Amino acid sequence: MSGDGWATNVEGNLLYAPSVSVTDGGTTMFCDKCGSPISSGAQFCSACGKATGAAPIAAAPNAARPASDRRVQRHIQLLASLWLANGILRFVEVGTILIAGQVLPFLMAWGMGGRYANWPFTFLPFGLYGIAGILAFFGVAHLLLAWGLFQREPWARVLGLVLGFLALVRPPFGTALGIYTLWVLLPQQSAQEYDELSRASVQTGLQHSR
């Protein structure tokens, strides 16, 4: 089917419509002056140069991704909550070790006549306090990551990737959390989405501070 003639827009103005041919594969336009095919969206005929009146359709610069693709937005709250819980558990472990470091020497000295009073501090190179210090360091890092993810801080994604890789060696829960973190934050699309969320968070903060 083809058509060529005058059409009326919503304001009642007459507009000239170039020849249009509708086929099974789609719609093909032809120049009403020379009859040459006109590519979709072209403003001028490539053969004779006559204006077609077709205006290019610009894509929206900030078109939203489909909801199914916004992985970071859908999972960042849960991910931050899990790292918050993990950081709290690290400090529970630190407290348990510090208590054990005070109680075990007393029990060992009381049960063995004082010969093994310092045993908890010598059976590992760094002793119990050294282990507690390492756990406390990671506990602080986990809490910092949780806060950064909640606030959409720009550096939080990088920190999350580092801690996610390190968590892989702590099965089973650490490994599961590491895999989940990398799944959410590692892809390139996640990097772009996180940057968008971070910029939006900064702009919101600036508006609230005014």
Protein backbone atom coordinates (compact mmCIF):
# COMPACT_ATOMS: atom_id res chain seq x y z
CA MET A 1 0.00 0.00 0.00
CA SER A 2 1.27 3.49 -0.77
CA GLY A 3 0.12 7.01 -0.11
CA ASP A 4 1.13 10.47 -1.22
CA GLY A 5 -0.63 13.78 -0.56
CA TRP A 6 -1.65 16.31 2.00
CA ALA A 7 -2.29 15.59 5.67
CA THR A 8 -3.60 17.67 8.55
CA ASN A 9 -1.85 17.90 11.90
CA VAL A 10 -3.52 18.30 15.29
CA GLU A 11 -3.56 22.09 14.90
CA GLY A 12 -5.41 21.95 11.57
CA ASN A 13 -2.41 22.95 9.43
CA LEU A 14 -1.88 21.26 6.07
CA LEU A 15 1.35 19.30 5.73
CA TYR A 16 2.68 17.53 2.65
CA ALA A 17 3.44 13.85 3.17
CA PRO A 18 5.98 12.17 0.86
CA SER A 19 5.22 8.87 -0.79
CA VAL A 20 5.13 5.96 1.63
CA SER A 21 5.17 2.27 0.77
CA VAL A 22 4.15 -0.27 3.41
CA THR A 23 5.53 -3.77 2.98
CA ASP A 24 5.70 -6.86 5.18
CA GLY A 25 9.15 -5.85 6.33
CA GLY A 26 8.16 -2.34 7.39
CA THR A 27 7.57 1.15 5.95
CA THR A 28 9.68 2.58 3.09
CA MET A 29 9.53 6.28 2.16
CA PHE A 30 10.19 7.65 -1.31
CA CYS A 31 11.06 11.18 -2.40
CA ASP A 32 7.99 12.87 -3.92
CA LYS A 33 10.27 14.76 -6.33
CA CYS A 34 12.53 12.10 -7.82
CA GLY A 35 11.07 8.87 -6.42
CA SER A 36 14.29 7.70 -4.81
CA PRO A 37 14.06 5.67 -1.56
CA ILE A 38 14.61 7.70 1.60
CA SER A 39 16.31 6.09 4.58
CA SER A 40 14.47 6.14 7.88
CA GLY A 41 14.96 9.43 9.75
CA ALA A 42 16.69 11.19 6.81
CA GLN A 43 15.93 14.91 6.51
CA PHE A 44 16.99 15.22 2.86
CA CYS A 45 16.76 13.00 -0.19
CA SER A 46 20.19 11.56 -0.99
CA ALA A 47 19.50 11.78 -4.75
CA CYS A 48 18.04 15.25 -5.33
CA GLY A 49 18.55 16.92 -1.94
CA LYS A 50 14.88 17.77 -1.39
CA ALA A 51 13.91 18.20 2.25
CA THR A 52 11.73 15.36 3.48
CA GLY A 53 10.40 17.10 6.58
CA ALA A 54 11.36 14.16 8.77
CA ALA A 55 12.93 15.28 12.00
CA PRO A 56 15.39 12.97 13.76
CA ILE A 57 14.14 11.50 17.00
CA ALA A 58 16.68 12.01 19.75
CA ALA A 59 16.95 9.36 22.42
CA ALA A 60 16.45 10.50 25.94
CA PRO A 61 19.92 11.03 27.43
CA ASN A 62 19.01 9.63 30.80
CA ALA A 63 16.60 6.92 29.72
CA ALA A 64 16.08 4.59 32.61
CA ARG A 65 17.24 1.03 32.28
CA PRO A 66 14.66 -1.71 32.57
CA ALA A 67 13.94 -2.60 36.19
CA SER A 68 15.34 -6.09 35.63
CA ASP A 69 18.77 -4.60 34.76
CA ARG A 70 19.13 -2.30 37.77
CA ARG A 71 20.96 -4.86 39.85
CA VAL A 72 22.74 -2.42 42.15
CA GLN A 73 19.62 -0.45 42.98
CA ARG A 74 17.68 -3.61 43.80
CA HIS A 75 20.36 -5.23 45.97
CA ILE A 76 22.44 -2.46 47.52
CA GLN A 77 20.32 -2.11 50.68
CA LEU A 78 20.48 -5.83 51.43
CA LEU A 79 24.19 -5.94 50.62
CA ALA A 80 24.93 -3.04 52.97
CA SER A 81 22.87 -4.68 55.73
CA LEU A 82 24.78 -7.96 55.38
CA TRP A 83 28.13 -6.18 55.65
CA LEU A 84 26.85 -4.29 58.70
CA ALA A 85 25.87 -7.57 60.36
CA ASN A 86 29.23 -9.08 59.39
CA GLY A 87 31.11 -6.18 60.95
CA ILE A 88 29.14 -6.52 64.19
CA LEU A 89 29.93 -10.25 64.30
CA ARG A 90 33.64 -9.47 63.91
CA PHE A 91 33.52 -7.34 67.05
CA VAL A 92 31.63 -10.07 68.89
CA GLU A 93 34.53 -12.38 68.00
CA VAL A 94 37.01 -9.76 69.21
CA GLY A 95 35.21 -9.50 72.56
CA THR A 96 35.15 -13.28 72.93
CA ILE A 97 38.88 -13.53 72.25
CA LEU A 98 39.71 -10.74 74.69
CA ILE A 99 37.69 -12.43 77.39
CA ALA A 100 39.36 -15.75 76.63
CA GLY A 101 42.75 -14.04 76.83
CA GLN A 102 41.98 -13.04 80.40
CA VAL A 103 40.28 -16.22 81.55
CA LEU A 104 42.40 -18.95 79.95
CA PRO A 105 45.71 -18.01 81.66
CA PHE A 106 43.98 -18.10 85.02
CA LEU A 107 42.40 -21.49 84.34
CA MET A 108 45.63 -22.95 82.98
CA ALA A 109 47.64 -21.67 85.93
CA TRP A 110 45.06 -22.95 88.39
CA GLY A 111 44.87 -26.40 86.80
CA MET A 112 48.56 -26.95 86.00
CA GLY A 113 50.41 -25.23 88.77
CA GLY A 114 51.41 -22.14 86.83
CA ARG A 115 53.64 -23.88 84.27
CA TYR A 116 51.37 -23.00 81.33
CA ALA A 117 50.02 -19.66 82.52
CA ASN A 118 51.10 -17.89 79.29
CA TRP A 119 50.09 -20.71 76.93
CA PRO A 120 47.29 -18.78 75.11
CA PHE A 121 49.80 -16.08 74.14
CA THR A 122 52.50 -18.40 72.78
CA PHE A 123 50.70 -21.15 70.81
CA LEU A 124 50.33 -18.73 67.86
CA PRO A 125 52.98 -16.26 66.63
CA PHE A 126 50.88 -13.20 67.35
CA GLY A 127 48.91 -14.59 70.31
CA LEU A 128 45.24 -14.09 70.97
CA TYR A 129 45.56 -10.32 71.12
CA GLY A 130 47.12 -10.29 67.67
CA ILE A 131 44.18 -12.27 66.27
CA ALA A 132 41.77 -9.91 68.01
CA GLY A 133 43.54 -6.94 66.45
CA ILE A 134 43.22 -8.40 62.93
CA LEU A 135 39.53 -9.15 63.45
CA ALA A 136 38.95 -5.65 64.82
CA PHE A 137 40.61 -4.15 61.74
CA PHE A 138 38.32 -6.07 59.39
CA GLY A 139 35.35 -5.30 61.60
CA VAL A 140 35.99 -1.59 61.17
CA ALA A 141 36.43 -2.09 57.39
CA HIS A 142 33.12 -3.98 57.18
CA LEU A 143 31.25 -1.29 59.09
CA LEU A 144 32.85 1.40 56.94
CA LEU A 145 31.78 -0.45 53.80
CA ALA A 146 28.22 -0.81 55.09
CA TRP A 147 28.03 2.92 55.81
CA GLY A 148 29.50 3.77 52.40
CA LEU A 149 26.98 1.58 50.59
CA PHE A 150 24.08 3.03 52.54
CA GLN A 151 25.28 6.55 51.66
CA ARG A 152 26.20 5.63 48.05
CA GLU A 153 29.73 6.93 48.57
CA PRO A 154 31.87 6.81 45.38
CA TRP A 155 34.68 4.81 47.06
CA ALA A 156 32.37 2.18 48.57
CA ARG A 157 32.18 0.06 45.40
CA VAL A 158 35.98 -0.33 45.22
CA LEU A 159 36.18 -1.17 48.93
CA GLY A 160 33.33 -3.63 48.48
CA LEU A 161 35.17 -5.42 45.67
CA VAL A 162 38.36 -5.69 47.76
CA LEU A 163 36.55 -7.04 50.82
CA GLY A 164 34.40 -9.27 48.61
CA PHE A 165 37.46 -11.00 47.18
CA LEU A 166 39.00 -11.38 50.65
CA ALA A 167 35.75 -12.81 52.03
CA LEU A 168 35.91 -15.69 49.55
CA VAL A 169 38.48 -17.47 51.74
CA ARG A 170 36.14 -17.56 54.79
CA PRO A 171 33.69 -20.40 54.06
CA PRO A 172 30.83 -20.85 54.25
CA PHE A 173 29.22 -17.50 55.15
CA GLY A 174 32.15 -15.31 54.14
CA THR A 175 32.38 -17.08 50.78
CA ALA A 176 28.65 -16.65 50.18
CA LEU A 177 28.83 -12.94 51.07
CA GLY A 178 31.87 -12.46 48.83
CA ILE A 179 30.16 -14.09 45.86
CA TYR A 180 27.03 -12.01 46.40
CA THR A 181 29.08 -8.80 46.68
CA LEU A 182 31.00 -9.49 43.48
CA TRP A 183 27.80 -10.44 41.65
CA VAL A 184 26.23 -7.09 42.59
CA LEU A 185 29.20 -4.73 42.22
CA LEU A 186 31.72 -6.27 39.80
CA PRO A 187 30.08 -6.05 36.31
CA GLN A 188 30.81 -2.99 34.19
CA GLN A 189 27.10 -2.19 34.03
CA SER A 190 27.05 -2.19 37.85
CA ALA A 191 29.92 0.29 37.87
CA GLN A 192 27.97 2.68 35.64
CA GLU A 193 24.80 2.24 37.66
CA TYR A 194 26.62 2.79 40.96
CA ASP A 195 28.14 5.99 39.60
CA GLU A 196 24.66 7.22 38.69
CA LEU A 197 23.34 6.40 42.17
CA SER A 198 26.34 8.08 43.77
CA ARG A 199 25.91 11.29 41.76
CA ALA A 200 22.19 11.33 42.51
CA SER A 201 22.94 10.92 46.22
CA VAL A 202 25.43 13.81 46.15
CA GLN A 203 22.93 16.07 44.39
CA THR A 204 20.23 15.16 46.90
CA GLY A 205 22.59 15.96 49.76
CA LEU A 206 23.44 19.35 48.25
CA GLN A 207 19.75 20.18 47.84
CA HIS A 208 19.03 19.27 51.46
CA SER A 209 21.95 21.34 52.71
CA ARG A 210 20.64 24.52 51.03
